[in-house]
Amino acid sequence: MVGFLRLIGLLLVFGVGFSPFLAEKLWNDPFITMQAWWYRPAIYTGFALIFVPSILSAIFGRSRVKTGIPALGVITSIQQTGTYINEQPEVRIGVTVSRKGHEKYDTTFKTIIPLTSMAQFQPGSFIPLLVSEKDERKVGLDLNGQLSKQDMQELLNEKMVQEGVSPEMMDIARTGEKAVAKVLDVTPIGGAREGKLKLKLTLRVTKTNGETFDITTEKELMASALSQVQQGHIINIFYSKHDPSKVVLALNVQEDQMNQLFSS
């Protein structure tokens, strides 16, 4: 709508500005149009259509979504619009939105970002969002931190299940016994999905009471996590209270893992 009004304004300014030259050609007197009652109002209206909608859009549109559903966004693109409010740039941000119970999707929104914070808003960065309850395509920055750690963990759990992690393993991660394990052997066995490695791990698990036991398990890991499970390394795990041979590796989450889970 802003673009349409700006086009009308440009045509109006161009048409009115050209009218004296047309009057000169037709009647040999350019002042016929310049002294007409409509000349100045038309010029002013044209300039108003060019500038006012953009200013109003920047002032009232930059915080369209102030309340809504907490979500997580991954920036896919960021571009300055050329508008400044209080010397701070307005930007158009493309994001991939993830929220509980929904498939991730792409959308864009405009916001004002302080120049000192621009480095934090780059493609691949994670940002907290609010999603309009009426239209999921309308999103805004979550300036009040409504996306809690619990919300983030639930989102992460949901994405892990979608990636193929079994509900049983998720339950062990939540309710299992915490322990440390030494990697005795690691063997690639292939057959994993794209971007992952399937490994056979032999672990020596040490319980909190000092007891130890050995297990062999198969896991799919991102290639970037391979350095954490090299032979001789000590890692954190969770094991099932009912079946200690079932374990979940508590490895450090890598940035590419997060991007794979939450990006398009």
C-alpha atoms as a PDB file:
ATOM      1  CA  MET A   1       0.000   0.000   0.000  1.00  0.00           C
ATOM      2  CA  VAL A   2       2.846   2.381   0.865  1.00  0.00           C
ATOM      3  CA  GLY A   3       4.487   1.662  -2.490  1.00  0.00           C
ATOM      4  CA  PHE A   4       1.213   2.331  -4.352  1.00  0.00           C
ATOM      5  CA  LEU A   5       0.670   5.690  -2.613  1.00  0.00           C
ATOM      6  CA  ARG A   6       4.288   6.636  -3.274  1.00  0.00           C
ATOM      7  CA  LEU A   7       3.808   5.863  -6.989  1.00  0.00           C
ATOM      8  CA  ILE A   8       0.680   8.022  -7.121  1.00  0.00           C
ATOM      9  CA  GLY A   9       2.608  10.817  -5.411  1.00  0.00           C
ATOM     10  CA  LEU A  10       5.473  10.596  -7.898  1.00  0.00           C
ATOM     11  CA  LEU A  11       3.096  10.670 -10.858  1.00  0.00           C
ATOM     12  CA  LEU A  12       1.242  13.632  -9.378  1.00  0.00           C
ATOM     13  CA  VAL A  13       4.430  15.621  -8.718  1.00  0.00           C
ATOM     14  CA  PHE A  14       5.781  14.778 -12.176  1.00  0.00           C
ATOM     15  CA  GLY A  15       2.509  15.628 -13.904  1.00  0.00           C
ATOM     16  CA  VAL A  16       1.995  18.928 -12.108  1.00  0.00           C
ATOM     17  CA  GLY A  17       5.671  19.860 -12.492  1.00  0.00           C
ATOM     18  CA  PHE A  18       5.476  19.173 -16.222  1.00  0.00           C
ATOM     19  CA  SER A  19       2.287  21.221 -16.710  1.00  0.00           C
ATOM     20  CA  PRO A  20       4.065  24.611 -17.146  1.00  0.00           C
ATOM     21  CA  PHE A  21       6.116  23.186 -20.035  1.00  0.00           C
ATOM     22  CA  LEU A  22       2.902  21.883 -21.587  1.00  0.00           C
ATOM     23  CA  ALA A  23       1.265  25.311 -21.130  1.00  0.00           C
ATOM     24  CA  GLU A  24       4.271  26.933 -22.766  1.00  0.00           C
ATOM     25  CA  LYS A  25       3.861  24.660 -25.791  1.00  0.00           C
ATOM     26  CA  LEU A  26       0.094  25.061 -26.070  1.00  0.00           C
ATOM     27  CA  TRP A  27      -0.533  28.666 -25.043  1.00  0.00           C
ATOM     28  CA  ASN A  28       2.951  30.188 -24.946  1.00  0.00           C
ATOM     29  CA  ASP A  29       2.396  31.044 -21.273  1.00  0.00           C
ATOM     30  CA  PRO A  30       3.676  28.696 -18.526  1.00  0.00           C
ATOM     31  CA  PHE A  31       2.127  30.831 -15.774  1.00  0.00           C
ATOM     32  CA  ILE A  32      -1.386  29.769 -16.774  1.00  0.00           C
ATOM     33  CA  THR A  33      -0.934  26.527 -14.831  1.00  0.00           C
ATOM     34  CA  MET A  34       1.472  27.830 -12.193  1.00  0.00           C
ATOM     35  CA  GLN A  35      -1.050  30.492 -11.132  1.00  0.00           C
ATOM     36  CA  ALA A  36      -3.988  28.080 -11.198  1.00  0.00           C
ATOM     37  CA  TRP A  37      -5.737  27.414  -7.866  1.00  0.00           C
ATOM     38  CA  TRP A  38      -4.953  23.693  -8.001  1.00  0.00           C
ATOM     39  CA  TYR A  39      -1.214  23.942  -8.764  1.00  0.00           C
ATOM     40  CA  ARG A  40       0.248  24.262  -5.247  1.00  0.00           C
ATOM     41  CA  PRO A  41      -2.271  21.936  -3.528  1.00  0.00           C
ATOM     42  CA  ALA A  42      -1.490  19.273  -6.143  1.00  0.00           C
ATOM     43  CA  ILE A  43       2.266  19.668  -5.610  1.00  0.00           C
ATOM     44  CA  TYR A  44       1.889  19.468  -1.819  1.00  0.00           C
ATOM     45  CA  THR A  45      -0.420  16.461  -2.097  1.00  0.00           C
ATOM     46  CA  GLY A  46       2.078  14.667  -4.319  1.00  0.00           C
ATOM     47  CA  PHE A  47       4.944  15.193  -1.877  1.00  0.00           C
ATOM     48  CA  ALA A  48       2.710  14.131   1.013  1.00  0.00           C
ATOM     49  CA  LEU A  49       1.854  10.874  -0.778  1.00  0.00           C
ATOM     50  CA  ILE A  50       5.565  10.233  -1.329  1.00  0.00           C
ATOM     51  CA  PHE A  51       6.829  10.828   2.207  1.00  0.00           C
ATOM     52  CA  VAL A  52       4.008  10.655   4.757  1.00  0.00           C
ATOM     53  CA  PRO A  53       2.944   6.974   4.261  1.00  0.00           C
ATOM     54  CA  SER A  54       6.554   5.821   4.668  1.00  0.00           C
ATOM     55  CA  ILE A  55       6.996   7.840   7.857  1.00  0.00           C
ATOM     56  CA  LEU A  56       3.693   6.633   9.322  1.00  0.00           C
ATOM     57  CA  SER A  57       4.522   3.059   8.387  1.00  0.00           C
ATOM     58  CA  ALA A  58       7.886   3.325  10.113  1.00  0.00           C
ATOM     59  CA  ILE A  59       6.410   4.901  13.252  1.00  0.00           C
ATOM     60  CA  PHE A  60       3.328   2.730  13.659  1.00  0.00           C
ATOM     61  CA  GLY A  61       4.400  -0.402  11.797  1.00  0.00           C
ATOM     62  CA  ARG A  62       7.726  -1.173  13.416  1.00  0.00           C
ATOM     63  CA  SER A  63       6.114  -2.742  16.495  1.00  0.00           C
ATOM     64  CA  ARG A  64       3.065  -4.296  14.931  1.00  0.00           C
ATOM     65  CA  VAL A  65       3.150  -7.313  17.202  1.00  0.00           C
ATOM     66  CA  LYS A  66       3.506  -6.314  20.862  1.00  0.00           C
ATOM     67  CA  THR A  67       1.680  -9.285  22.326  1.00  0.00           C
ATOM     68  CA  GLY A  68       1.344 -12.795  21.014  1.00  0.00           C
ATOM     69  CA  ILE A  69       2.659 -16.346  21.158  1.00  0.00           C
ATOM     70  CA  PRO A  70       6.357 -16.799  22.052  1.00  0.00           C
ATOM     71  CA  ALA A  71       8.416 -18.381  19.283  1.00  0.00           C
ATOM     72  CA  LEU A  72      11.996 -18.763  18.129  1.00  0.00           C
ATOM     73  CA  GLY A  73      13.293 -17.238  14.924  1.00  0.00           C
ATOM     74  CA  VAL A  74      16.393 -17.874  12.854  1.00  0.00           C
ATOM     75  CA  ILE A  75      17.384 -14.895  10.715  1.00  0.00           C
ATOM     76  CA  THR A  76      17.565 -15.800   7.025  1.00  0.00           C
ATOM     77  CA  SER A  77      18.077 -12.272   5.671  1.00  0.00           C
ATOM     78  CA  ILE A  78      18.372  -8.698   6.907  1.00  0.00           C
ATOM     79  CA  GLN A  79      18.248  -5.510   4.867  1.00  0.00           C
ATOM     80  CA  GLN A  80      18.001  -1.839   5.769  1.00  0.00           C
ATOM     81  CA  THR A  81      14.919  -0.097   4.354  1.00  0.00           C
ATOM     82  CA  GLY A  82      16.562   3.330   4.180  1.00  0.00           C
ATOM     83  CA  THR A  83      14.285   4.740   6.888  1.00  0.00           C
ATOM     84  CA  TYR A  84      15.711   6.048  10.177  1.00  0.00           C
ATOM     85  CA  ILE A  85      13.792   6.730  13.389  1.00  0.00           C
ATOM     86  CA  ASN A  86      15.679   8.737  16.001  1.00  0.00           C
ATOM     87  CA  GLU A  87      18.833   8.070  13.959  1.00  0.00           C
ATOM     88  CA  GLN A  88      18.320   4.297  14.283  1.00  0.00           C
ATOM     89  CA  PRO A  89      17.872   2.222  11.090  1.00  0.00           C
ATOM     90  CA  GLU A  90      14.706   0.362  10.189  1.00  0.00           C
ATOM     91  CA  VAL A  91      15.440  -3.117   8.839  1.00  0.00           C
ATOM     92  CA  ARG A  92      13.444  -5.797   7.082  1.00  0.00           C
ATOM     93  CA  ILE A  93      14.250  -9.178   8.631  1.00  0.00           C
ATOM     94  CA  GLY A  94      13.507 -12.546   7.057  1.00  0.00           C
ATOM     95  CA  VAL A  95      13.119 -15.327   9.627  1.00  0.00           C
ATOM     96  CA  THR A  96      12.303 -18.992   9.917  1.00  0.00           C
ATOM     97  CA  VAL A  97       9.769 -19.277  12.753  1.00  0.00           C
ATOM     98  CA  SER A  98       9.545 -22.263  15.110  1.00  0.00           C
ATOM     99  CA  ARG A  99       6.738 -22.575  17.660  1.00  0.00           C
ATOM    100  CA  LYS A 100       5.332 -25.436  19.653  1.00  0.00           C
ATOM    101  CA  GLY A 101       2.946 -27.714  17.783  1.00  0.00           C
ATOM    102  CA  HIS A 102       3.563 -26.115  14.359  1.00  0.00           C
ATOM    103  CA  GLU A 103       5.792 -26.736  11.384  1.00  0.00           C
ATOM    104  CA  LYS A 104       8.511 -24.137  10.926  1.00  0.00           C
ATOM    105  CA  TYR A 105       7.799 -21.505   8.273  1.00  0.00           C
ATOM    106  CA  ASP A 106       9.340 -18.374   6.747  1.00  0.00           C
ATOM    107  CA  THR A 107       8.088 -14.809   7.058  1.00  0.00           C
ATOM    108  CA  THR A 108       9.410 -11.216   7.191  1.00  0.00           C
ATOM    109  CA  PHE A 109       8.887  -8.219   9.433  1.00  0.00           C
ATOM    110  CA  LYS A 110      10.214  -4.699   9.918  1.00  0.00           C
ATOM    111  CA  THR A 111      11.714  -3.341  13.110  1.00  0.00           C
ATOM    112  CA  ILE A 112      14.068  -0.667  14.415  1.00  0.00           C
ATOM    113  CA  ILE A 113      17.465  -1.909  15.581  1.00  0.00           C
ATOM    114  CA  PRO A 114      20.044   0.287  17.344  1.00  0.00           C
ATOM    115  CA  LEU A 115      23.262   0.604  15.383  1.00  0.00           C
ATOM    116  CA  THR A 116      25.159  -0.789  18.386  1.00  0.00           C
ATOM    117  CA  SER A 117      23.120  -4.027  18.188  1.00  0.00           C
ATOM    118  CA  MET A 118      23.357  -4.659  14.444  1.00  0.00           C
ATOM    119  CA  ALA A 119      26.145  -7.226  14.898  1.00  0.00           C
ATOM    120  CA  GLN A 120      23.726  -9.435  16.858  1.00  0.00           C
ATOM    121  CA  PHE A 121      21.259  -9.522  13.952  1.00  0.00           C
ATOM    122  CA  GLN A 122      22.986 -11.493  11.210  1.00  0.00           C
ATOM    123  CA  PRO A 123      21.820 -14.422   9.025  1.00  0.00           C
ATOM    124  CA  GLY A 124      21.921 -17.548  11.164  1.00  0.00           C
ATOM    125  CA  SER A 125      21.367 -15.695  14.458  1.00  0.00           C
ATOM    126  CA  PHE A 126      18.590 -16.815  16.810  1.00  0.00           C
ATOM    127  CA  ILE A 127      16.100 -14.205  18.023  1.00  0.00           C
ATOM    128  CA  PRO A 128      13.029 -14.404  20.308  1.00  0.00           C
ATOM    129  CA  LEU A 129       9.762 -13.599  18.547  1.00  0.00           C
ATOM    130  CA  LEU A 130       6.114 -12.937  19.236  1.00  0.00           C
ATOM    131  CA  VAL A 131       3.595 -14.359  16.750  1.00  0.00           C
ATOM    132  CA  SER A 132       0.207 -12.711  16.257  1.00  0.00           C
ATOM    133  CA  GLU A 133      -2.660 -14.923  17.389  1.00  0.00           C
ATOM    134  CA  LYS A 134      -4.746 -13.741  14.413  1.00  0.00           C
ATOM    135  CA  ASP A 135      -2.144 -14.093  11.654  1.00  0.00           C
ATOM    136  CA  GLU A 136       0.951 -16.270  12.140  1.00  0.00           C
ATOM    137  CA  ARG A 137       2.709 -14.395   9.328  1.00  0.00           C
ATOM    138  CA  LYS A 138       2.784 -11.269  11.493  1.00  0.00           C
ATOM    139  CA  VAL A 139       5.668 -11.446  13.939  1.00  0.00           C
ATOM    140  CA  GLY A 140       7.691  -9.037  16.027  1.00  0.00           C
ATOM    141  CA  LEU A 141      10.693  -9.047  18.312  1.00  0.00           C
ATOM    142  CA  ASP A 142      10.019 -10.377  21.810  1.00  0.00           C
ATOM    143  CA  LEU A 143      11.422  -7.437  23.759  1.00  0.00           C
ATOM    144  CA  ASN A 144      10.049  -8.658  27.101  1.00  0.00           C
ATOM    145  CA  GLY A 145      11.615 -12.128  27.077  1.00  0.00           C
ATOM    146  CA  GLN A 146       8.367 -14.106  26.976  1.00  0.00           C
ATOM    147  CA  LEU A 147      10.184 -17.097  25.443  1.00  0.00           C
ATOM    148  CA  SER A 148      11.235 -18.830  28.660  1.00  0.00           C
ATOM    149  CA  LYS A 149      13.933 -21.489  29.079  1.00  0.00           C
ATOM    150  CA  GLN A 150      11.150 -24.040  29.483  1.00  0.00           C
ATOM    151  CA  ASP A 151       9.563 -22.924  26.181  1.00  0.00           C
ATOM    152  CA  MET A 152      12.948 -23.187  24.496  1.00  0.00           C
ATOM    153  CA  GLN A 153      13.553 -26.670  25.905  1.00  0.00           C
ATOM    154  CA  GLU A 154      10.097 -27.845  24.807  1.00  0.00           C
ATOM    155  CA  LEU A 155      10.748 -26.492  21.317  1.00  0.00           C
ATOM    156  CA  LEU A 156      14.105 -28.231  21.214  1.00  0.00           C
ATOM    157  CA  ASN A 157      12.563 -31.504  22.406  1.00  0.00           C
ATOM    158  CA  GLU A 158       9.846 -31.275  19.768  1.00  0.00           C
ATOM    159  CA  LYS A 159      12.381 -30.679  16.994  1.00  0.00           C
ATOM    160  CA  MET A 160      14.540 -33.555  18.233  1.00  0.00           C
ATOM    161  CA  VAL A 161      11.561 -35.909  18.026  1.00  0.00           C
ATOM    162  CA  GLN A 162      10.815 -34.641  14.517  1.00  0.00           C
ATOM    163  CA  GLU A 163      14.437 -35.384  13.604  1.00  0.00           C
ATOM    164  CA  GLY A 164      13.977 -39.011  14.616  1.00  0.00           C
ATOM    165  CA  VAL A 165      14.957 -39.094  18.296  1.00  0.00           C
ATOM    166  CA  SER A 166      12.604 -41.584  19.936  1.00  0.00           C
ATOM    167  CA  PRO A 167      10.227 -40.457  22.704  1.00  0.00           C
ATOM    168  CA  GLU A 168      11.855 -43.111  24.893  1.00  0.00           C
ATOM    169  CA  MET A 169      15.245 -41.443  24.556  1.00  0.00           C
ATOM    170  CA  MET A 170      13.679 -38.041  25.280  1.00  0.00           C
ATOM    171  CA  ASP A 171      12.125 -39.502  28.421  1.00  0.00           C
ATOM    172  CA  ILE A 172      15.500 -40.891  29.541  1.00  0.00           C
ATOM    173  CA  ALA A 173      17.043 -37.446  29.030  1.00  0.00           C
ATOM    174  CA  ARG A 174      14.361 -35.947  31.285  1.00  0.00           C
ATOM    175  CA  THR A 175      14.071 -38.605  34.003  1.00  0.00           C
ATOM    176  CA  GLY A 176      17.160 -40.825  33.693  1.00  0.00           C
ATOM    177  CA  GLU A 177      20.126 -41.076  36.054  1.00  0.00           C
ATOM    178  CA  LYS A 178      23.005 -38.727  35.350  1.00  0.00           C
ATOM    179  CA  ALA A 179      26.497 -40.230  35.051  1.00  0.00           C
ATOM    180  CA  VAL A 180      29.848 -39.787  33.347  1.00  0.00           C
ATOM    181  CA  ALA A 181      31.272 -42.160  30.768  1.00  0.00           C
ATOM    182  CA  LYS A 182      34.680 -42.777  29.242  1.00  0.00           C
ATOM    183  CA  VAL A 183      34.717 -43.532  25.528  1.00  0.00           C
ATOM    184  CA  LEU A 184      36.540 -46.849  25.173  1.00  0.00           C
ATOM    185  CA  ASP A 185      35.962 -47.278  21.462  1.00  0.00           C
ATOM    186  CA  VAL A 186      34.209 -45.473  18.614  1.00  0.00           C
ATOM    187  CA  THR A 187      33.540 -47.111  15.249  1.00  0.00           C
ATOM    188  CA  PRO A 188      31.720 -45.541  12.261  1.00  0.00           C
ATOM    189  CA  ILE A 189      29.190 -48.005  10.881  1.00  0.00           C
ATOM    190  CA  GLY A 190      27.541 -45.880   8.166  1.00  0.00           C
ATOM    191  CA  GLY A 191      23.892 -45.870   7.175  1.00  0.00           C
ATOM    192  CA  ALA A 192      23.080 -42.525   8.805  1.00  0.00           C
ATOM    193  CA  ARG A 193      20.983 -39.782   7.277  1.00  0.00           C
ATOM    194  CA  GLU A 194      22.506 -36.851   5.404  1.00  0.00           C
ATOM    195  CA  GLY A 195      24.633 -34.654   7.642  1.00  0.00           C
ATOM    196  CA  LYS A 196      24.972 -37.282  10.354  1.00  0.00           C
ATOM    197  CA  LEU A 197      27.272 -40.158  11.223  1.00  0.00           C
ATOM    198  CA  LYS A 198      26.175 -43.490  12.653  1.00  0.00           C
ATOM    199  CA  LEU A 199      28.596 -44.687  15.305  1.00  0.00           C
ATOM    200  CA  LYS A 200      29.045 -47.709  17.535  1.00  0.00           C
ATOM    201  CA  LEU A 201      30.279 -46.516  20.927  1.00  0.00           C
ATOM    202  CA  THR A 202      31.709 -48.575  23.753  1.00  0.00           C
ATOM    203  CA  LEU A 203      31.420 -46.661  27.013  1.00  0.00           C
ATOM    204  CA  ARG A 204      32.536 -47.246  30.578  1.00  0.00           C
ATOM    205  CA  VAL A 205      29.847 -45.623  32.712  1.00  0.00           C
ATOM    206  CA  THR A 206      30.563 -44.414  36.240  1.00  0.00           C
ATOM    207  CA  LYS A 207      27.504 -43.900  38.441  1.00  0.00           C
ATOM    208  CA  THR A 208      27.320 -41.195  41.091  1.00  0.00           C
ATOM    209  CA  ASN A 209      27.993 -43.848  43.765  1.00  0.00           C
ATOM    210  CA  GLY A 210      31.234 -44.886  42.037  1.00  0.00           C
ATOM    211  CA  GLU A 211      29.999 -48.139  40.484  1.00  0.00           C
ATOM    212  CA  THR A 212      31.006 -48.748  36.865  1.00  0.00           C
ATOM    213  CA  PHE A 213      29.656 -50.812  33.989  1.00  0.00           C
ATOM    214  CA  ASP A 214      30.426 -51.095  30.275  1.00  0.00           C
ATOM    215  CA  ILE A 215      27.895 -50.756  27.472  1.00  0.00           C
ATOM    216  CA  THR A 216      27.950 -50.730  23.680  1.00  0.00           C
ATOM    217  CA  THR A 217      25.412 -48.535  21.930  1.00  0.00           C
ATOM    218  CA  GLU A 218      24.724 -47.119  18.467  1.00  0.00           C
ATOM    219  CA  LYS A 219      24.105 -43.398  18.004  1.00  0.00           C
ATOM    220  CA  GLU A 220      23.589 -40.963  15.141  1.00  0.00           C
ATOM    221  CA  LEU A 221      25.572 -37.749  15.618  1.00  0.00           C
ATOM    222  CA  MET A 222      26.259 -34.627  13.603  1.00  0.00           C
ATOM    223  CA  ALA A 223      29.724 -34.698  12.072  1.00  0.00           C
ATOM    224  CA  SER A 224      30.621 -31.598  14.116  1.00  0.00           C
ATOM    225  CA  ALA A 225      30.006 -33.553  17.349  1.00  0.00           C
ATOM    226  CA  LEU A 226      32.451 -36.317  16.437  1.00  0.00           C
ATOM    227  CA  SER A 227      35.322 -34.566  18.225  1.00  0.00           C
ATOM    228  CA  GLN A 228      33.435 -34.904  21.526  1.00  0.00           C
ATOM    229  CA  VAL A 229      33.281 -38.721  21.418  1.00  0.00           C
ATOM    230  CA  GLN A 230      36.846 -39.612  20.560  1.00  0.00           C
ATOM    231  CA  GLN A 231      38.460 -42.579  22.300  1.00  0.00           C
ATOM    232  CA  GLY A 232      39.545 -41.659  25.812  1.00  0.00           C
ATOM    233  CA  HIS A 233      37.203 -38.674  26.154  1.00  0.00           C
ATOM    234  CA  ILE A 234      34.947 -38.256  29.197  1.00  0.00           C
ATOM    235  CA  ILE A 235      31.334 -37.298  28.430  1.00  0.00           C
ATOM    236  CA  ASN A 236      28.131 -36.769  30.391  1.00  0.00           C
ATOM    237  CA  ILE A 237      25.266 -39.198  29.854  1.00  0.00           C
ATOM    238  CA  PHE A 238      21.840 -40.139  31.181  1.00  0.00           C
ATOM    239  CA  TYR A 239      20.933 -43.823  31.543  1.00  0.00           C
ATOM    240  CA  SER A 240      17.587 -45.514  32.082  1.00  0.00           C
ATOM    241  CA  LYS A 241      16.800 -46.503  35.663  1.00  0.00           C
ATOM    242  CA  HIS A 242      15.105 -49.637  34.360  1.00  0.00           C
ATOM    243  CA  ASP A 243      17.625 -50.579  31.670  1.00  0.00           C
ATOM    244  CA  PRO A 244      21.113 -49.035  32.123  1.00  0.00           C
ATOM    245  CA  SER A 245      22.119 -50.168  28.639  1.00  0.00           C
ATOM    246  CA  LYS A 246      19.881 -47.425  27.214  1.00  0.00           C
ATOM    247  CA  VAL A 247      21.734 -44.121  27.373  1.00  0.00           C
ATOM    248  CA  VAL A 248      21.436 -40.571  26.068  1.00  0.00           C
ATOM    249  CA  LEU A 249      24.612 -38.611  25.362  1.00  0.00           C
ATOM    250  CA  ALA A 250      24.640 -35.156  26.942  1.00  0.00           C
ATOM    251  CA  LEU A 251      26.962 -33.471  24.431  1.00  0.00           C
ATOM    252  CA  ASN A 252      27.459 -29.768  23.870  1.00  0.00           C
ATOM    253  CA  VAL A 253      24.971 -28.531  21.287  1.00  0.00           C
ATOM    254  CA  GLN A 254      26.739 -27.248  18.190  1.00  0.00           C
ATOM    255  CA  GLU A 255      25.603 -24.177  16.252  1.00  0.00           C
ATOM    256  CA  ASP A 256      25.128 -26.187  13.046  1.00  0.00           C
ATOM    257  CA  GLN A 257      22.910 -28.631  14.951  1.00  0.00           C
ATOM    258  CA  MET A 258      20.688 -25.776  16.109  1.00  0.00           C
ATOM    259  CA  ASN A 259      20.585 -24.308  12.607  1.00  0.00           C
ATOM    260  CA  GLN A 260      19.602 -27.676  11.144  1.00  0.00           C
ATOM    261  CA  LEU A 261      16.788 -28.070  13.664  1.00  0.00           C
ATOM    262  CA  PHE A 262      15.336 -24.575  13.397  1.00  0.00           C
ATOM    263  CA  SER A 263      16.284 -23.260   9.945  1.00  0.00           C
ATOM    264  CA  SER A 264      14.506 -23.908   6.673  1.00  0.00           C
END
